[in-house]
């Protein structure tokens, strides 16, 4: 296999960059080198189009990017979302149920246009550690229900098991994923980063054996298990590390660059 045969899909937060910080220069240089050798590079993230563009401006991205944890794909060449998967309109009813049962939670709806904080004003104890820079505020009644990619819930991490149990018990028609220590997301059933990547490979006629993925958290699990070549940084939880073939250096030390170096050794050695 040559580098020009490989599609490399990288998670963003906790993998490519650390906690909304800068991309390590090692990663930028390695990705330029990888693409210069003919490799195909894209992102696989839970973030929106706007956030993906913000990250991508420093990178030679030459492959469509998975966004919203698999609910859509953004094609830079066409400058548009492709392969969208929206939550059914019944998601609003379940969101109302959640608000009735969990008042110390911040609720955010992700659409193509933006992220909208729909947390009722009386929820005074709702946290706000979700740092997406494009959040707008609306009431739930102001939101159309035909274009929701996902719902993000931000709450004290001690509530995670309770929230997970409630959601999976009351709404099996959705898919739920933990995307950060205090973030839990509702996305369409049957959707994740792996399904989006698989759809892209089929669309472009690329052999699955040529797919390499790197990620660090539970929303990356399906993608890492499905990849032909997989890696996770040392900073990933142990059960995520157990899913991959390679453990690379910590995120902040240039995990993506380390992975690219290993790929180059495989292909050139």
C-alpha atoms as a PDB file:
ATOM      1  CA  UNK A   1       0.000   0.000   0.000  1.00  0.00           C
ATOM      2  CA  UNK A   2       1.182   3.540  -0.799  1.00  0.00           C
ATOM      3  CA  UNK A   3       0.391   6.739   1.096  1.00  0.00           C
ATOM      4  CA  UNK A   4      -1.626   7.817  -1.960  1.00  0.00           C
ATOM      5  CA  UNK A   5      -3.942   4.842  -1.325  1.00  0.00           C
ATOM      6  CA  UNK A   6      -4.854   5.957   2.219  1.00  0.00           C
ATOM      7  CA  UNK A   7      -7.817   7.992   3.428  1.00  0.00           C
ATOM      8  CA  UNK A   8      -6.971   9.351   6.885  1.00  0.00           C
ATOM      9  CA  UNK A   9      -9.916  10.596   8.974  1.00  0.00           C
ATOM     10  CA  UNK A  10      -9.046  12.420  12.198  1.00  0.00           C
ATOM     11  CA  UNK A  11     -11.186  13.418  15.143  1.00  0.00           C
ATOM     12  CA  UNK A  12     -10.701  17.055  16.183  1.00  0.00           C
ATOM     13  CA  UNK A  13     -11.053  17.791  19.913  1.00  0.00           C
ATOM     14  CA  UNK A  14      -8.731  15.710  22.053  1.00  0.00           C
ATOM     15  CA  UNK A  15      -7.016  14.258  18.988  1.00  0.00           C
ATOM     16  CA  UNK A  16      -5.979  16.901  16.458  1.00  0.00           C
ATOM     17  CA  UNK A  17      -6.072  19.735  18.998  1.00  0.00           C
ATOM     18  CA  UNK A  18      -6.444  20.053  22.746  1.00  0.00           C
ATOM     19  CA  UNK A  19      -9.542  21.631  24.310  1.00  0.00           C
ATOM     20  CA  UNK A  20     -10.278  24.245  21.637  1.00  0.00           C
ATOM     21  CA  UNK A  21      -6.618  25.233  21.518  1.00  0.00           C
ATOM     22  CA  UNK A  22      -4.234  25.554  18.598  1.00  0.00           C
ATOM     23  CA  UNK A  23      -3.301  22.654  16.353  1.00  0.00           C
ATOM     24  CA  UNK A  24       0.235  21.487  17.249  1.00  0.00           C
ATOM     25  CA  UNK A  25       2.657  22.542  14.525  1.00  0.00           C
ATOM     26  CA  UNK A  26       3.850  18.926  14.269  1.00  0.00           C
ATOM     27  CA  UNK A  27       0.358  17.918  13.153  1.00  0.00           C
ATOM     28  CA  UNK A  28       0.108  20.687  10.560  1.00  0.00           C
ATOM     29  CA  UNK A  29       3.480  19.812   9.044  1.00  0.00           C
ATOM     30  CA  UNK A  30       2.761  16.074   9.000  1.00  0.00           C
ATOM     31  CA  UNK A  31      -0.652  16.518   7.363  1.00  0.00           C
ATOM     32  CA  UNK A  32       0.887  18.718   4.650  1.00  0.00           C
ATOM     33  CA  UNK A  33       3.507  16.018   4.079  1.00  0.00           C
ATOM     34  CA  UNK A  34       0.862  13.269   3.972  1.00  0.00           C
ATOM     35  CA  UNK A  35      -1.282  15.156   1.433  1.00  0.00           C
ATOM     36  CA  UNK A  36       1.843  16.072  -0.558  1.00  0.00           C
ATOM     37  CA  UNK A  37       2.498  12.353  -1.004  1.00  0.00           C
ATOM     38  CA  UNK A  38      -1.000  11.870  -2.391  1.00  0.00           C
ATOM     39  CA  UNK A  39      -2.814  10.898   0.807  1.00  0.00           C
ATOM     40  CA  UNK A  40      -6.423  11.913   1.357  1.00  0.00           C
ATOM     41  CA  UNK A  41      -7.149  13.723   4.620  1.00  0.00           C
ATOM     42  CA  UNK A  42     -10.468  14.641   6.232  1.00  0.00           C
ATOM     43  CA  UNK A  43     -11.896  15.375   9.663  1.00  0.00           C
ATOM     44  CA  UNK A  44     -14.458  13.318  11.577  1.00  0.00           C
ATOM     45  CA  UNK A  45     -15.914  15.531  14.282  1.00  0.00           C
ATOM     46  CA  UNK A  46     -19.013  16.303  16.300  1.00  0.00           C
ATOM     47  CA  UNK A  47     -18.692  19.945  15.340  1.00  0.00           C
ATOM     48  CA  UNK A  48     -20.638  22.086  12.888  1.00  0.00           C
ATOM     49  CA  UNK A  49     -19.810  23.365   9.415  1.00  0.00           C
ATOM     50  CA  UNK A  50     -18.625  26.711  10.826  1.00  0.00           C
ATOM     51  CA  UNK A  51     -16.371  25.104  13.421  1.00  0.00           C
ATOM     52  CA  UNK A  52     -15.000  22.621  10.896  1.00  0.00           C
ATOM     53  CA  UNK A  53     -14.112  25.471   8.546  1.00  0.00           C
ATOM     54  CA  UNK A  54     -12.387  27.291  11.404  1.00  0.00           C
ATOM     55  CA  UNK A  55     -10.188  24.278  12.149  1.00  0.00           C
ATOM     56  CA  UNK A  56      -9.621  23.438   8.479  1.00  0.00           C
ATOM     57  CA  UNK A  57      -8.219  26.818   7.480  1.00  0.00           C
ATOM     58  CA  UNK A  58      -4.764  25.710   8.679  1.00  0.00           C
ATOM     59  CA  UNK A  59      -4.904  22.316   6.975  1.00  0.00           C
ATOM     60  CA  UNK A  60      -4.706  20.947   3.416  1.00  0.00           C
ATOM     61  CA  UNK A  61      -8.010  19.082   3.645  1.00  0.00           C
ATOM     62  CA  UNK A  62      -8.679  17.257   0.384  1.00  0.00           C
ATOM     63  CA  UNK A  63     -11.473  14.877   1.410  1.00  0.00           C
ATOM     64  CA  UNK A  64     -15.047  15.453   2.683  1.00  0.00           C
ATOM     65  CA  UNK A  65     -15.400  15.826   6.458  1.00  0.00           C
ATOM     66  CA  UNK A  66     -17.779  13.972   8.745  1.00  0.00           C
ATOM     67  CA  UNK A  67     -19.577  16.443  11.024  1.00  0.00           C
ATOM     68  CA  UNK A  68     -22.204  16.323  13.804  1.00  0.00           C
ATOM     69  CA  UNK A  69     -20.815  12.904  14.863  1.00  0.00           C
ATOM     70  CA  UNK A  70     -21.948  11.333  11.614  1.00  0.00           C
ATOM     71  CA  UNK A  71     -25.269  13.091  11.052  1.00  0.00           C
ATOM     72  CA  UNK A  72     -23.843  14.820   7.969  1.00  0.00           C
ATOM     73  CA  UNK A  73     -20.817  15.194   5.726  1.00  0.00           C
ATOM     74  CA  UNK A  74     -19.389  18.531   4.604  1.00  0.00           C
ATOM     75  CA  UNK A  75     -17.727  18.671   1.184  1.00  0.00           C
ATOM     76  CA  UNK A  76     -15.211  21.547   0.981  1.00  0.00           C
ATOM     77  CA  UNK A  77     -14.927  21.264  -2.793  1.00  0.00           C
ATOM     78  CA  UNK A  78     -18.676  21.736  -3.257  1.00  0.00           C
ATOM     79  CA  UNK A  79     -18.960  23.984  -0.170  1.00  0.00           C
ATOM     80  CA  UNK A  80     -22.091  22.213   1.014  1.00  0.00           C
ATOM     81  CA  UNK A  81     -23.454  19.536   3.295  1.00  0.00           C
ATOM     82  CA  UNK A  82     -23.941  16.140   1.687  1.00  0.00           C
ATOM     83  CA  UNK A  83     -25.440  12.932   3.104  1.00  0.00           C
ATOM     84  CA  UNK A  84     -27.548  14.680   5.798  1.00  0.00           C
ATOM     85  CA  UNK A  85     -29.400  12.665   8.444  1.00  0.00           C
ATOM     86  CA  UNK A  86     -31.864  14.656  10.534  1.00  0.00           C
ATOM     87  CA  UNK A  87     -33.525  13.766  13.807  1.00  0.00           C
ATOM     88  CA  UNK A  88     -37.229  12.975  13.343  1.00  0.00           C
ATOM     89  CA  UNK A  89     -39.614  15.744  14.363  1.00  0.00           C
ATOM     90  CA  UNK A  90     -40.614  13.648  17.390  1.00  0.00           C
ATOM     91  CA  UNK A  91     -37.250  14.637  18.891  1.00  0.00           C
ATOM     92  CA  UNK A  92     -38.946  17.816  20.125  1.00  0.00           C
ATOM     93  CA  UNK A  93     -41.422  15.786  22.200  1.00  0.00           C
ATOM     94  CA  UNK A  94     -38.609  13.835  23.810  1.00  0.00           C
ATOM     95  CA  UNK A  95     -36.668  17.034  24.465  1.00  0.00           C
ATOM     96  CA  UNK A  96     -39.691  18.415  26.332  1.00  0.00           C
ATOM     97  CA  UNK A  97     -39.768  15.215  28.395  1.00  0.00           C
ATOM     98  CA  UNK A  98     -36.089  15.646  29.222  1.00  0.00           C
ATOM     99  CA  UNK A  99     -36.644  19.249  30.307  1.00  0.00           C
ATOM    100  CA  UNK A 100     -39.457  18.140  32.591  1.00  0.00           C
ATOM    101  CA  UNK A 101     -37.225  15.550  34.267  1.00  0.00           C
ATOM    102  CA  UNK A 102     -33.787  17.208  34.222  1.00  0.00           C
ATOM    103  CA  UNK A 103     -33.786  20.893  35.094  1.00  0.00           C
ATOM    104  CA  UNK A 104     -30.058  21.304  35.814  1.00  0.00           C
ATOM    105  CA  UNK A 105     -29.076  20.589  32.208  1.00  0.00           C
ATOM    106  CA  UNK A 106     -28.241  22.899  29.318  1.00  0.00           C
ATOM    107  CA  UNK A 107     -29.940  21.906  26.050  1.00  0.00           C
ATOM    108  CA  UNK A 108     -28.478  22.865  22.659  1.00  0.00           C
ATOM    109  CA  UNK A 109     -29.884  22.032  19.217  1.00  0.00           C
ATOM    110  CA  UNK A 110     -27.488  21.790  16.253  1.00  0.00           C
ATOM    111  CA  UNK A 111     -28.738  22.742  12.796  1.00  0.00           C
ATOM    112  CA  UNK A 112     -26.896  23.612   9.586  1.00  0.00           C
ATOM    113  CA  UNK A 113     -27.170  27.322  10.383  1.00  0.00           C
ATOM    114  CA  UNK A 114     -25.913  27.282  13.971  1.00  0.00           C
ATOM    115  CA  UNK A 115     -26.177  25.805  17.459  1.00  0.00           C
ATOM    116  CA  UNK A 116     -29.147  27.089  19.462  1.00  0.00           C
ATOM    117  CA  UNK A 117     -29.300  27.141  23.249  1.00  0.00           C
ATOM    118  CA  UNK A 118     -32.961  26.392  24.070  1.00  0.00           C
ATOM    119  CA  UNK A 119     -32.500  25.985  27.823  1.00  0.00           C
ATOM    120  CA  UNK A 120     -35.467  27.582  29.654  1.00  0.00           C
ATOM    121  CA  UNK A 121     -34.476  30.758  31.498  1.00  0.00           C
ATOM    122  CA  UNK A 122     -35.668  29.352  34.822  1.00  0.00           C
ATOM    123  CA  UNK A 123     -33.030  26.574  34.662  1.00  0.00           C
ATOM    124  CA  UNK A 124     -30.617  28.664  36.731  1.00  0.00           C
ATOM    125  CA  UNK A 125     -28.294  25.763  37.571  1.00  0.00           C
ATOM    126  CA  UNK A 126     -27.724  24.629  34.003  1.00  0.00           C
ATOM    127  CA  UNK A 127     -23.941  24.559  33.346  1.00  0.00           C
ATOM    128  CA  UNK A 128     -22.229  26.021  30.313  1.00  0.00           C
ATOM    129  CA  UNK A 129     -18.931  24.314  29.606  1.00  0.00           C
ATOM    130  CA  UNK A 130     -19.777  23.566  25.968  1.00  0.00           C
ATOM    131  CA  UNK A 131     -17.441  26.037  24.279  1.00  0.00           C
ATOM    132  CA  UNK A 132     -18.744  26.112  20.699  1.00  0.00           C
ATOM    133  CA  UNK A 133     -18.235  29.747  19.645  1.00  0.00           C
ATOM    134  CA  UNK A 134     -21.320  29.903  17.432  1.00  0.00           C
ATOM    135  CA  UNK A 135     -24.119  29.293  19.927  1.00  0.00           C
ATOM    136  CA  UNK A 136     -27.243  31.444  19.600  1.00  0.00           C
ATOM    137  CA  UNK A 137     -30.196  31.622  21.990  1.00  0.00           C
ATOM    138  CA  UNK A 138     -33.796  30.763  21.128  1.00  0.00           C
ATOM    139  CA  UNK A 139     -36.809  29.300  22.864  1.00  0.00           C
ATOM    140  CA  UNK A 140     -37.794  25.771  21.928  1.00  0.00           C
ATOM    141  CA  UNK A 141     -41.033  27.036  20.383  1.00  0.00           C
ATOM    142  CA  UNK A 142     -39.046  29.250  18.009  1.00  0.00           C
ATOM    143  CA  UNK A 143     -37.189  26.258  16.558  1.00  0.00           C
ATOM    144  CA  UNK A 144     -38.441  24.513  13.405  1.00  0.00           C
ATOM    145  CA  UNK A 145     -38.228  20.750  13.877  1.00  0.00           C
ATOM    146  CA  UNK A 146     -37.284  19.596  10.380  1.00  0.00           C
ATOM    147  CA  UNK A 147     -33.530  20.311  10.402  1.00  0.00           C
ATOM    148  CA  UNK A 148     -32.056  19.108  13.701  1.00  0.00           C
ATOM    149  CA  UNK A 149     -28.800  17.185  13.266  1.00  0.00           C
ATOM    150  CA  UNK A 150     -28.365  16.542  16.978  1.00  0.00           C
ATOM    151  CA  UNK A 151     -29.227  17.677  20.502  1.00  0.00           C
ATOM    152  CA  UNK A 152     -26.349  18.343  22.892  1.00  0.00           C
ATOM    153  CA  UNK A 153     -26.896  18.108  26.645  1.00  0.00           C
ATOM    154  CA  UNK A 154     -24.356  19.721  28.973  1.00  0.00           C
ATOM    155  CA  UNK A 155     -24.517  18.736  32.663  1.00  0.00           C
ATOM    156  CA  UNK A 156     -22.499  17.713  35.692  1.00  0.00           C
ATOM    157  CA  UNK A 157     -20.531  14.597  34.789  1.00  0.00           C
ATOM    158  CA  UNK A 158     -21.875  12.838  37.904  1.00  0.00           C
ATOM    159  CA  UNK A 159     -25.263  12.717  36.153  1.00  0.00           C
ATOM    160  CA  UNK A 160     -23.985  10.799  33.137  1.00  0.00           C
ATOM    161  CA  UNK A 161     -25.167   7.308  34.076  1.00  0.00           C
ATOM    162  CA  UNK A 162     -28.582   8.585  35.168  1.00  0.00           C
ATOM    163  CA  UNK A 163     -29.039  10.525  31.937  1.00  0.00           C
ATOM    164  CA  UNK A 164     -27.821   7.632  29.802  1.00  0.00           C
ATOM    165  CA  UNK A 165     -30.216   5.187  31.480  1.00  0.00           C
ATOM    166  CA  UNK A 166     -33.179   7.552  31.160  1.00  0.00           C
ATOM    167  CA  UNK A 167     -32.555   8.239  27.483  1.00  0.00           C
ATOM    168  CA  UNK A 168     -31.959   4.650  26.449  1.00  0.00           C
ATOM    169  CA  UNK A 169     -35.003   3.480  28.435  1.00  0.00           C
ATOM    170  CA  UNK A 170     -37.460   6.151  27.246  1.00  0.00           C
ATOM    171  CA  UNK A 171     -36.302   6.765  23.666  1.00  0.00           C
ATOM    172  CA  UNK A 172     -34.779   3.713  21.937  1.00  0.00           C
ATOM    173  CA  UNK A 173     -35.707   5.316  18.600  1.00  0.00           C
ATOM    174  CA  UNK A 174     -32.652   7.604  18.897  1.00  0.00           C
ATOM    175  CA  UNK A 175     -28.912   7.023  19.190  1.00  0.00           C
ATOM    176  CA  UNK A 176     -27.099   8.426  22.220  1.00  0.00           C
ATOM    177  CA  UNK A 177     -23.387   9.122  22.489  1.00  0.00           C
ATOM    178  CA  UNK A 178     -21.054  10.584  25.100  1.00  0.00           C
ATOM    179  CA  UNK A 179     -18.887  13.141  23.322  1.00  0.00           C
ATOM    180  CA  UNK A 180     -17.061  14.645  26.321  1.00  0.00           C
ATOM    181  CA  UNK A 181     -16.885  14.121  30.069  1.00  0.00           C
ATOM    182  CA  UNK A 182     -19.979  16.315  30.619  1.00  0.00           C
ATOM    183  CA  UNK A 183     -21.618  16.190  27.170  1.00  0.00           C
ATOM    184  CA  UNK A 184     -24.240  13.699  25.990  1.00  0.00           C
ATOM    185  CA  UNK A 185     -25.767  13.835  22.533  1.00  0.00           C
ATOM    186  CA  UNK A 186     -28.895  12.639  20.767  1.00  0.00           C
ATOM    187  CA  UNK A 187     -28.409  11.813  17.092  1.00  0.00           C
ATOM    188  CA  UNK A 188     -30.451   9.842  14.544  1.00  0.00           C
ATOM    189  CA  UNK A 189     -30.627   6.102  15.153  1.00  0.00           C
ATOM    190  CA  UNK A 190     -28.169   4.093  13.060  1.00  0.00           C
ATOM    191  CA  UNK A 191     -25.903   7.118  12.608  1.00  0.00           C
ATOM    192  CA  UNK A 192     -22.319   7.537  13.802  1.00  0.00           C
ATOM    193  CA  UNK A 193     -18.925   8.512  12.406  1.00  0.00           C
ATOM    194  CA  UNK A 194     -18.366   5.000  11.062  1.00  0.00           C
ATOM    195  CA  UNK A 195     -21.601   4.919   9.051  1.00  0.00           C
ATOM    196  CA  UNK A 196     -20.805   8.311   7.525  1.00  0.00           C
ATOM    197  CA  UNK A 197     -17.273   7.248   6.580  1.00  0.00           C
ATOM    198  CA  UNK A 198     -18.554   3.984   5.130  1.00  0.00           C
ATOM    199  CA  UNK A 199     -21.078   5.886   3.010  1.00  0.00           C
ATOM    200  CA  UNK A 200     -18.331   8.186   1.758  1.00  0.00           C
ATOM    201  CA  UNK A 201     -16.065   5.295   0.805  1.00  0.00           C
ATOM    202  CA  UNK A 202     -18.877   3.611  -1.088  1.00  0.00           C
ATOM    203  CA  UNK A 203     -19.763   6.850  -2.873  1.00  0.00           C
ATOM    204  CA  UNK A 204     -16.152   7.403  -3.951  1.00  0.00           C
ATOM    205  CA  UNK A 205     -15.359   3.788  -4.723  1.00  0.00           C
ATOM    206  CA  UNK A 206     -12.565   3.531  -2.157  1.00  0.00           C
ATOM    207  CA  UNK A 207     -11.631   0.165  -0.669  1.00  0.00           C
ATOM    208  CA  UNK A 208     -12.344  -0.093   3.064  1.00  0.00           C
ATOM    209  CA  UNK A 209      -8.868  -1.563   3.564  1.00  0.00           C
ATOM    210  CA  UNK A 210      -7.438   1.864   2.766  1.00  0.00           C
ATOM    211  CA  UNK A 211      -9.213   3.714   5.601  1.00  0.00           C
ATOM    212  CA  UNK A 212      -7.167   4.918   8.592  1.00  0.00           C
ATOM    213  CA  UNK A 213      -8.817   6.636  11.572  1.00  0.00           C
ATOM    214  CA  UNK A 214      -7.601   8.297  14.761  1.00  0.00           C
ATOM    215  CA  UNK A 215      -9.790   9.383  17.680  1.00  0.00           C
ATOM    216  CA  UNK A 216      -9.815   9.685  21.434  1.00  0.00           C
ATOM    217  CA  UNK A 217     -13.331   9.368  22.872  1.00  0.00           C
ATOM    218  CA  UNK A 218     -16.562   7.385  22.981  1.00  0.00           C
ATOM    219  CA  UNK A 219     -18.089   9.157  19.979  1.00  0.00           C
ATOM    220  CA  UNK A 220     -15.121   7.770  17.998  1.00  0.00           C
ATOM    221  CA  UNK A 221     -15.615   4.155  19.086  1.00  0.00           C
ATOM    222  CA  UNK A 222     -17.531   2.864  16.045  1.00  0.00           C
ATOM    223  CA  UNK A 223     -15.168   4.661  13.673  1.00  0.00           C
ATOM    224  CA  UNK A 224     -12.098   3.165  15.341  1.00  0.00           C
ATOM    225  CA  UNK A 225     -13.538  -0.351  15.363  1.00  0.00           C
ATOM    226  CA  UNK A 226     -14.489  -0.129  11.682  1.00  0.00           C
ATOM    227  CA  UNK A 227     -11.197   1.342  10.397  1.00  0.00           C
ATOM    228  CA  UNK A 228      -8.675  -0.867   8.634  1.00  0.00           C
ATOM    229  CA  UNK A 229      -5.895   1.010  10.480  1.00  0.00           C
ATOM    230  CA  UNK A 230      -6.735   2.721  13.784  1.00  0.00           C
ATOM    231  CA  UNK A 231      -4.987   4.763  16.448  1.00  0.00           C
ATOM    232  CA  UNK A 232      -5.728   6.625  19.670  1.00  0.00           C
ATOM    233  CA  UNK A 233      -3.595   9.043  21.690  1.00  0.00           C
ATOM    234  CA  UNK A 234      -2.173   8.072  25.068  1.00  0.00           C
ATOM    235  CA  UNK A 235      -4.590  10.554  26.635  1.00  0.00           C
ATOM    236  CA  UNK A 236      -7.650   8.538  25.472  1.00  0.00           C
ATOM    237  CA  UNK A 237      -9.617   6.461  28.020  1.00  0.00           C
ATOM    238  CA  UNK A 238      -8.272   2.938  28.410  1.00  0.00           C
ATOM    239  CA  UNK A 239     -11.377   1.308  26.921  1.00  0.00           C
ATOM    240  CA  UNK A 240     -10.958   3.447  23.785  1.00  0.00           C
ATOM    241  CA  UNK A 241      -7.262   2.548  23.589  1.00  0.00           C
ATOM    242  CA  UNK A 242      -8.309  -1.107  23.718  1.00  0.00           C
ATOM    243  CA  UNK A 243     -10.186  -0.705  20.411  1.00  0.00           C
ATOM    244  CA  UNK A 244      -7.219   0.391  18.285  1.00  0.00           C
ATOM    245  CA  UNK A 245      -4.115  -1.106  16.707  1.00  0.00           C
ATOM    246  CA  UNK A 246      -1.740   1.725  17.616  1.00  0.00           C
ATOM    247  CA  UNK A 247      -1.337   3.953  20.661  1.00  0.00           C
ATOM    248  CA  UNK A 248       0.360   7.202  19.674  1.00  0.00           C
ATOM    249  CA  UNK A 249       1.642  10.125  21.756  1.00  0.00           C
ATOM    250  CA  UNK A 250      -0.611  12.494  23.684  1.00  0.00           C
ATOM    251  CA  UNK A 251      -2.839  14.902  21.775  1.00  0.00           C
ATOM    252  CA  UNK A 252      -0.863  17.983  22.751  1.00  0.00           C
ATOM    253  CA  UNK A 253       2.413  16.340  21.674  1.00  0.00           C
ATOM    254  CA  UNK A 254       1.220  15.777  18.094  1.00  0.00           C
ATOM    255  CA  UNK A 255      -0.820  12.553  18.072  1.00  0.00           C
ATOM    256  CA  UNK A 256      -1.872  12.926  14.424  1.00  0.00           C
ATOM    257  CA  UNK A 257       1.737  13.543  13.354  1.00  0.00           C
ATOM    258  CA  UNK A 258       2.816  10.424  15.258  1.00  0.00           C
ATOM    259  CA  UNK A 259       0.126   8.379  13.479  1.00  0.00           C
ATOM    260  CA  UNK A 260       1.126   9.741  10.072  1.00  0.00           C
ATOM    261  CA  UNK A 261       4.735   8.820  10.838  1.00  0.00           C
ATOM    262  CA  UNK A 262       3.645   5.248  11.563  1.00  0.00           C
ATOM    263  CA  UNK A 263       1.649   5.131   8.324  1.00  0.00           C
ATOM    264  CA  UNK A 264       4.692   6.344   6.404  1.00  0.00           C
ATOM    265  CA  UNK A 265       6.808   3.608   7.977  1.00  0.00           C
ATOM    266  CA  UNK A 266       4.219   1.005   6.948  1.00  0.00           C
ATOM    267  CA  UNK A 267       4.067   2.286   3.381  1.00  0.00           C
ATOM    268  CA  UNK A 268       7.706   3.210   2.803  1.00  0.00           C
ATOM    269  CA  UNK A 269       9.469   0.654   4.941  1.00  0.00           C
END
